[in-house]
Structures are given as C-alpha cells and as structure tokens.
Amino acid sequence: MPVASAEKNDWVKRVLGVTPRETGGANGHVGEPGALLARWTKARNGWQAADEAVGQQINGLAAILRSSGDPDLATVADTGLMTVTAGFKTKMMAALMDIGTDDMAKLRKRAAKTAVFVDKLQAQIESDARVIACDESDFGVPVTIRATLGRALGELSSVLAEAAKSH
C-alpha cells in the first residue's frame, strides 16, 4: 500500500472513526480483508483435511473392532464410531458451506453464529467419553480426534473471532 494511502487511511480512522475498506492481502497485514479471507480459506481447508484424516482413523478403528470377533465391539463399530463428532459438527459444517470461501461480506455477517458451533464442537470433542475412548484405544490404530480436530477448530475459531470484530 503506498504511503500516501496509508496516511489517508490513518487520518480517516483517527478523524472520522471509520476504518476504510481495503482490498488488502498483498503485504500480509492480518487486518486487511484480503488477508482475512485468505486466512479463512486456509482455516476452512485445514478443517476439511483434519475431518477427513479423523474419518480415516475412525474407519481404521472400526475395521479392527469388526474383525475382533467380539459382537459387542462389532456393534460399536457399526453404530457408534461415526457419531462421536456428530451433533454440533453437522451444524458447523452447514455454516461453513454457507459462508463459502470467497465472500467477505458473508464471512463477516455469519462469523459470530458459526463461531458458536465451532466452540461447541471443540468443547464436545474435549469432553466426550466416546472421543476420549477412541483417542486412548489400545487396538493398535492411532486415533487423534482431539488433537487433529482441535488444531483445526482453534484456527477456525481465531479467524471467525477476527471476522466478527470487523463486522
């Protein structure tokens, strides 16, 4: 951003109390809309990758449980594992899809509501006995629901908080 433009923006902020809209992103300032949208897209993509990784881990655990020969473990594999992150996750995924990746106005408008679902899912995975049992299972399949989803949810939460402040 040219110096004259930065000086003008500072004056507008100081005198008028308004933050001018900038296309931003080129110099990496986090407060600029372009940079925020880029962080949002990265966080959203990070969530999708984390969710897919956890899905693969759960599928691996389910396969081990089914092959154990224990009917109770097979029932858990067939009915219980895929629901360990259900509930808030469904609402959050719908909110993420609604915002999309390239609409700053939607991101700002829906950030606070979406953050509620993100925070509730974060709390759920940290305390849900089923999630903890999967993460701590001794069946030889690494499952890291809390760590994997926790990092991604943390980044989503951070970006959504910033977007909500800029609304």
C-alpha atoms as a PDB file:
ATOM      1  CA  MET A   1       0.000   0.000   0.000  1.00  0.00           C
ATOM      2  CA  PRO A   2       1.535   3.395  -0.924  1.00  0.00           C
ATOM      3  CA  VAL A   3       2.495   5.653   1.971  1.00  0.00           C
ATOM      4  CA  ALA A   4       0.043   8.342   0.907  1.00  0.00           C
ATOM      5  CA  SER A   5      -2.772   5.785   1.003  1.00  0.00           C
ATOM      6  CA  ALA A   6      -1.702   4.553   4.440  1.00  0.00           C
ATOM      7  CA  GLU A   7      -1.584   8.139   5.710  1.00  0.00           C
ATOM      8  CA  LYS A   8      -5.049   8.810   4.310  1.00  0.00           C
ATOM      9  CA  ASN A   9      -6.397   5.653   5.910  1.00  0.00           C
ATOM     10  CA  ASP A  10      -4.866   6.609   9.275  1.00  0.00           C
ATOM     11  CA  TRP A  11      -6.425  10.074   9.024  1.00  0.00           C
ATOM     12  CA  VAL A  12      -9.850   8.602   8.201  1.00  0.00           C
ATOM     13  CA  LYS A  13      -9.605   6.226  11.154  1.00  0.00           C
ATOM     14  CA  ARG A  14      -8.422   8.925  13.564  1.00  0.00           C
ATOM     15  CA  VAL A  15     -10.671  11.806  12.497  1.00  0.00           C
ATOM     16  CA  LEU A  16     -13.794  10.060  11.280  1.00  0.00           C
ATOM     17  CA  GLY A  17     -13.603   6.928  13.401  1.00  0.00           C
ATOM     18  CA  VAL A  18     -14.158   4.729  10.362  1.00  0.00           C
ATOM     19  CA  THR A  19     -11.889   2.018   9.018  1.00  0.00           C
ATOM     20  CA  PRO A  20     -11.702   2.307   5.234  1.00  0.00           C
ATOM     21  CA  ARG A  21     -12.229  -0.858   3.270  1.00  0.00           C
ATOM     22  CA  GLU A  22      -9.071  -2.072   1.609  1.00  0.00           C
ATOM     23  CA  THR A  23      -8.570  -4.774  -0.943  1.00  0.00           C
ATOM     24  CA  GLY A  24      -5.521  -5.812   1.074  1.00  0.00           C
ATOM     25  CA  GLY A  25      -3.630  -9.021   1.263  1.00  0.00           C
ATOM     26  CA  ALA A  26      -0.613  -8.043  -0.804  1.00  0.00           C
ATOM     27  CA  ASN A  27       1.533  -7.058   2.138  1.00  0.00           C
ATOM     28  CA  GLY A  28       0.119  -9.663   4.527  1.00  0.00           C
ATOM     29  CA  HIS A  29      -1.457  -7.371   7.103  1.00  0.00           C
ATOM     30  CA  VAL A  30      -3.825  -9.581   9.045  1.00  0.00           C
ATOM     31  CA  GLY A  31      -6.415  -6.822   9.475  1.00  0.00           C
ATOM     32  CA  GLU A  32      -6.901  -6.364   5.765  1.00  0.00           C
ATOM     33  CA  PRO A  33      -9.955  -8.003   4.201  1.00  0.00           C
ATOM     34  CA  GLY A  34      -7.938  -9.856   1.558  1.00  0.00           C
ATOM     35  CA  ALA A  35      -5.634 -11.343   4.170  1.00  0.00           C
ATOM     36  CA  LEU A  36      -8.544 -12.273   6.427  1.00  0.00           C
ATOM     37  CA  LEU A  37     -10.312 -14.020   3.578  1.00  0.00           C
ATOM     38  CA  ALA A  38      -7.095 -15.898   2.756  1.00  0.00           C
ATOM     39  CA  ARG A  39      -6.777 -16.993   6.418  1.00  0.00           C
ATOM     40  CA  TRP A  40     -10.429 -18.070   6.366  1.00  0.00           C
ATOM     41  CA  THR A  41      -9.915 -20.187   3.258  1.00  0.00           C
ATOM     42  CA  LYS A  42      -6.790 -21.768   4.767  1.00  0.00           C
ATOM     43  CA  ALA A  43      -8.586 -22.491   8.066  1.00  0.00           C
ATOM     44  CA  ARG A  44     -11.633 -23.915   6.277  1.00  0.00           C
ATOM     45  CA  ASN A  45      -9.430 -26.143   4.101  1.00  0.00           C
ATOM     46  CA  GLY A  46      -7.477 -27.162   7.195  1.00  0.00           C
ATOM     47  CA  TRP A  47     -10.708 -28.186   8.886  1.00  0.00           C
ATOM     48  CA  GLN A  48     -11.720 -30.292   5.881  1.00  0.00           C
ATOM     49  CA  ALA A  49      -8.337 -32.042   5.830  1.00  0.00           C
ATOM     50  CA  ALA A  50      -8.487 -32.687   9.591  1.00  0.00           C
ATOM     51  CA  ASP A  51     -12.027 -34.019   9.344  1.00  0.00           C
ATOM     52  CA  GLU A  52     -11.027 -36.381   6.531  1.00  0.00           C
ATOM     53  CA  ALA A  53      -7.979 -37.582   8.487  1.00  0.00           C
ATOM     54  CA  VAL A  54     -10.098 -38.309  11.562  1.00  0.00           C
ATOM     55  CA  GLY A  55     -12.668 -40.085   9.390  1.00  0.00           C
ATOM     56  CA  GLN A  56      -9.919 -42.362   8.070  1.00  0.00           C
ATOM     57  CA  GLN A  57      -8.681 -43.016  11.599  1.00  0.00           C
ATOM     58  CA  ILE A  58     -12.193 -43.904  12.777  1.00  0.00           C
ATOM     59  CA  ASN A  59     -12.677 -46.185   9.775  1.00  0.00           C
ATOM     60  CA  GLY A  60      -9.415 -47.944  10.654  1.00  0.00           C
ATOM     61  CA  LEU A  61     -10.507 -48.423  14.248  1.00  0.00           C
ATOM     62  CA  ALA A  62     -13.914 -49.666  13.107  1.00  0.00           C
ATOM     63  CA  ALA A  63     -12.263 -52.265  10.854  1.00  0.00           C
ATOM     64  CA  ILE A  64     -10.200 -53.579  13.782  1.00  0.00           C
ATOM     65  CA  LEU A  65     -13.271 -53.734  16.035  1.00  0.00           C
ATOM     66  CA  ARG A  66     -15.296 -55.598  13.387  1.00  0.00           C
ATOM     67  CA  SER A  67     -12.522 -58.122  12.840  1.00  0.00           C
ATOM     68  CA  SER A  68     -12.090 -58.794  16.577  1.00  0.00           C
ATOM     69  CA  GLY A  69     -14.783 -61.469  16.642  1.00  0.00           C
ATOM     70  CA  ASP A  70     -16.438 -59.737  19.611  1.00  0.00           C
ATOM     71  CA  PRO A  71     -20.102 -58.991  18.769  1.00  0.00           C
ATOM     72  CA  ASP A  72     -20.195 -56.014  21.164  1.00  0.00           C
ATOM     73  CA  LEU A  73     -17.159 -54.418  19.547  1.00  0.00           C
ATOM     74  CA  ALA A  74     -18.628 -55.053  16.102  1.00  0.00           C
ATOM     75  CA  THR A  75     -21.834 -53.285  17.208  1.00  0.00           C
ATOM     76  CA  VAL A  76     -19.812 -50.312  18.443  1.00  0.00           C
ATOM     77  CA  ALA A  77     -18.008 -50.207  15.085  1.00  0.00           C
ATOM     78  CA  ASP A  78     -21.246 -50.351  13.122  1.00  0.00           C
ATOM     79  CA  THR A  79     -23.353 -47.940  15.144  1.00  0.00           C
ATOM     80  CA  GLY A  80     -21.271 -45.796  17.440  1.00  0.00           C
ATOM     81  CA  LEU A  81     -17.994 -44.620  15.991  1.00  0.00           C
ATOM     82  CA  MET A  82     -19.182 -42.324  13.239  1.00  0.00           C
ATOM     83  CA  THR A  83     -21.418 -40.461  15.680  1.00  0.00           C
ATOM     84  CA  VAL A  84     -18.641 -39.394  18.036  1.00  0.00           C
ATOM     85  CA  THR A  85     -18.347 -35.986  16.370  1.00  0.00           C
ATOM     86  CA  ALA A  86     -21.962 -35.652  15.238  1.00  0.00           C
ATOM     87  CA  GLY A  87     -24.332 -33.060  16.623  1.00  0.00           C
ATOM     88  CA  PHE A  88     -22.557 -29.723  16.530  1.00  0.00           C
ATOM     89  CA  LYS A  89     -20.379 -30.863  13.651  1.00  0.00           C
ATOM     90  CA  THR A  90     -23.388 -31.098  11.323  1.00  0.00           C
ATOM     91  CA  LYS A  91     -24.495 -27.556  12.166  1.00  0.00           C
ATOM     92  CA  MET A  92     -20.964 -26.240  11.879  1.00  0.00           C
ATOM     93  CA  MET A  93     -20.406 -27.902   8.505  1.00  0.00           C
ATOM     94  CA  ALA A  94     -23.626 -26.354   7.195  1.00  0.00           C
ATOM     95  CA  ALA A  95     -22.465 -22.935   8.411  1.00  0.00           C
ATOM     96  CA  LEU A  96     -19.034 -23.378   6.780  1.00  0.00           C
ATOM     97  CA  MET A  97     -20.661 -24.337   3.489  1.00  0.00           C
ATOM     98  CA  ASP A  98     -22.983 -21.337   3.708  1.00  0.00           C
ATOM     99  CA  ILE A  99     -20.095 -18.904   4.157  1.00  0.00           C
ATOM    100  CA  GLY A 100     -18.075 -20.436   1.341  1.00  0.00           C
ATOM    101  CA  THR A 101     -14.511 -19.313   0.637  1.00  0.00           C
ATOM    102  CA  ASP A 102     -14.680 -16.097  -1.347  1.00  0.00           C
ATOM    103  CA  ASP A 103     -17.334 -13.821   0.152  1.00  0.00           C
ATOM    104  CA  MET A 104     -16.008 -11.441   2.796  1.00  0.00           C
ATOM    105  CA  ALA A 105     -19.461  -9.995   3.490  1.00  0.00           C
ATOM    106  CA  LYS A 106     -20.864 -13.459   4.273  1.00  0.00           C
ATOM    107  CA  LEU A 107     -17.862 -14.294   6.418  1.00  0.00           C
ATOM    108  CA  ARG A 108     -18.260 -11.147   8.495  1.00  0.00           C
ATOM    109  CA  LYS A 109     -22.035 -11.440   8.751  1.00  0.00           C
ATOM    110  CA  ARG A 110     -22.092 -15.107   9.788  1.00  0.00           C
ATOM    111  CA  ALA A 111     -18.859 -15.305  11.766  1.00  0.00           C
ATOM    112  CA  ALA A 112     -20.340 -14.952  15.258  1.00  0.00           C
ATOM    113  CA  LYS A 113     -23.053 -17.557  14.670  1.00  0.00           C
ATOM    114  CA  THR A 114     -20.618 -20.002  13.099  1.00  0.00           C
ATOM    115  CA  ALA A 115     -18.142 -19.482  15.941  1.00  0.00           C
ATOM    116  CA  VAL A 116     -20.779 -20.750  18.381  1.00  0.00           C
ATOM    117  CA  PHE A 117     -20.919 -24.094  16.554  1.00  0.00           C
ATOM    118  CA  VAL A 118     -17.118 -24.267  16.328  1.00  0.00           C
ATOM    119  CA  ASP A 119     -16.738 -23.596  20.050  1.00  0.00           C
ATOM    120  CA  LYS A 120     -19.436 -26.133  20.971  1.00  0.00           C
ATOM    121  CA  LEU A 121     -17.818 -28.817  18.828  1.00  0.00           C
ATOM    122  CA  GLN A 122     -14.448 -28.013  20.388  1.00  0.00           C
ATOM    123  CA  ALA A 123     -15.945 -28.419  23.872  1.00  0.00           C
ATOM    124  CA  GLN A 124     -17.657 -31.653  22.829  1.00  0.00           C
ATOM    125  CA  ILE A 125     -14.537 -33.326  21.480  1.00  0.00           C
ATOM    126  CA  GLU A 126     -12.546 -32.318  24.551  1.00  0.00           C
ATOM    127  CA  SER A 127     -15.036 -33.863  26.985  1.00  0.00           C
ATOM    128  CA  ASP A 128     -16.997 -36.590  25.173  1.00  0.00           C
ATOM    129  CA  ALA A 129     -16.238 -40.000  26.663  1.00  0.00           C
ATOM    130  CA  ARG A 130     -16.535 -41.672  23.236  1.00  0.00           C
ATOM    131  CA  VAL A 131     -13.940 -39.341  21.717  1.00  0.00           C
ATOM    132  CA  ILE A 132     -11.595 -39.885  24.643  1.00  0.00           C
ATOM    133  CA  ALA A 133     -12.091 -43.666  24.384  1.00  0.00           C
ATOM    134  CA  CYS A 134     -11.231 -43.593  20.670  1.00  0.00           C
ATOM    135  CA  ASP A 135      -8.158 -41.425  21.249  1.00  0.00           C
ATOM    136  CA  GLU A 136      -6.954 -43.699  24.059  1.00  0.00           C
ATOM    137  CA  SER A 137      -7.873 -47.050  22.492  1.00  0.00           C
ATOM    138  CA  ASP A 138      -5.405 -49.903  22.674  1.00  0.00           C
ATOM    139  CA  PHE A 139      -6.350 -51.540  19.385  1.00  0.00           C
ATOM    140  CA  GLY A 140      -3.171 -50.648  17.505  1.00  0.00           C
ATOM    141  CA  VAL A 141      -4.738 -47.957  15.344  1.00  0.00           C
ATOM    142  CA  PRO A 142      -3.680 -44.384  16.092  1.00  0.00           C
ATOM    143  CA  VAL A 143      -6.710 -42.139  16.615  1.00  0.00           C
ATOM    144  CA  THR A 144      -6.157 -38.455  17.362  1.00  0.00           C
ATOM    145  CA  ILE A 145      -9.594 -36.848  17.254  1.00  0.00           C
ATOM    146  CA  ARG A 146      -8.923 -34.233  19.944  1.00  0.00           C
ATOM    147  CA  ALA A 147      -5.505 -33.208  18.647  1.00  0.00           C
ATOM    148  CA  THR A 148      -6.330 -33.271  14.947  1.00  0.00           C
ATOM    149  CA  LEU A 149      -9.723 -31.602  15.090  1.00  0.00           C
ATOM    150  CA  GLY A 150      -8.682 -29.387  17.997  1.00  0.00           C
ATOM    151  CA  ARG A 151      -5.965 -27.642  15.979  1.00  0.00           C
ATOM    152  CA  ALA A 152      -8.293 -27.080  13.035  1.00  0.00           C
ATOM    153  CA  LEU A 153     -11.129 -25.852  15.240  1.00  0.00           C
ATOM    154  CA  GLY A 154      -8.740 -23.493  17.013  1.00  0.00           C
ATOM    155  CA  GLU A 155      -7.743 -21.886  13.734  1.00  0.00           C
ATOM    156  CA  LEU A 156     -11.374 -21.596  12.605  1.00  0.00           C
ATOM    157  CA  SER A 157     -12.252 -20.015  15.932  1.00  0.00           C
ATOM    158  CA  SER A 158      -9.432 -17.471  15.646  1.00  0.00           C
ATOM    159  CA  VAL A 159     -10.389 -16.376  12.129  1.00  0.00           C
ATOM    160  CA  LEU A 160     -14.091 -16.238  12.956  1.00  0.00           C
ATOM    161  CA  ALA A 161     -13.399 -14.078  16.015  1.00  0.00           C
ATOM    162  CA  GLU A 162     -11.419 -11.651  13.870  1.00  0.00           C
ATOM    163  CA  ALA A 163     -14.132 -11.592  11.208  1.00  0.00           C
ATOM    164  CA  ALA A 164     -16.849 -10.995  13.801  1.00  0.00           C
ATOM    165  CA  LYS A 165     -14.920  -7.997  15.178  1.00  0.00           C
ATOM    166  CA  SER A 166     -14.666  -6.492  11.701  1.00  0.00           C
ATOM    167  CA  HIS A 167     -18.441  -6.786  11.050  1.00  0.00           C
END
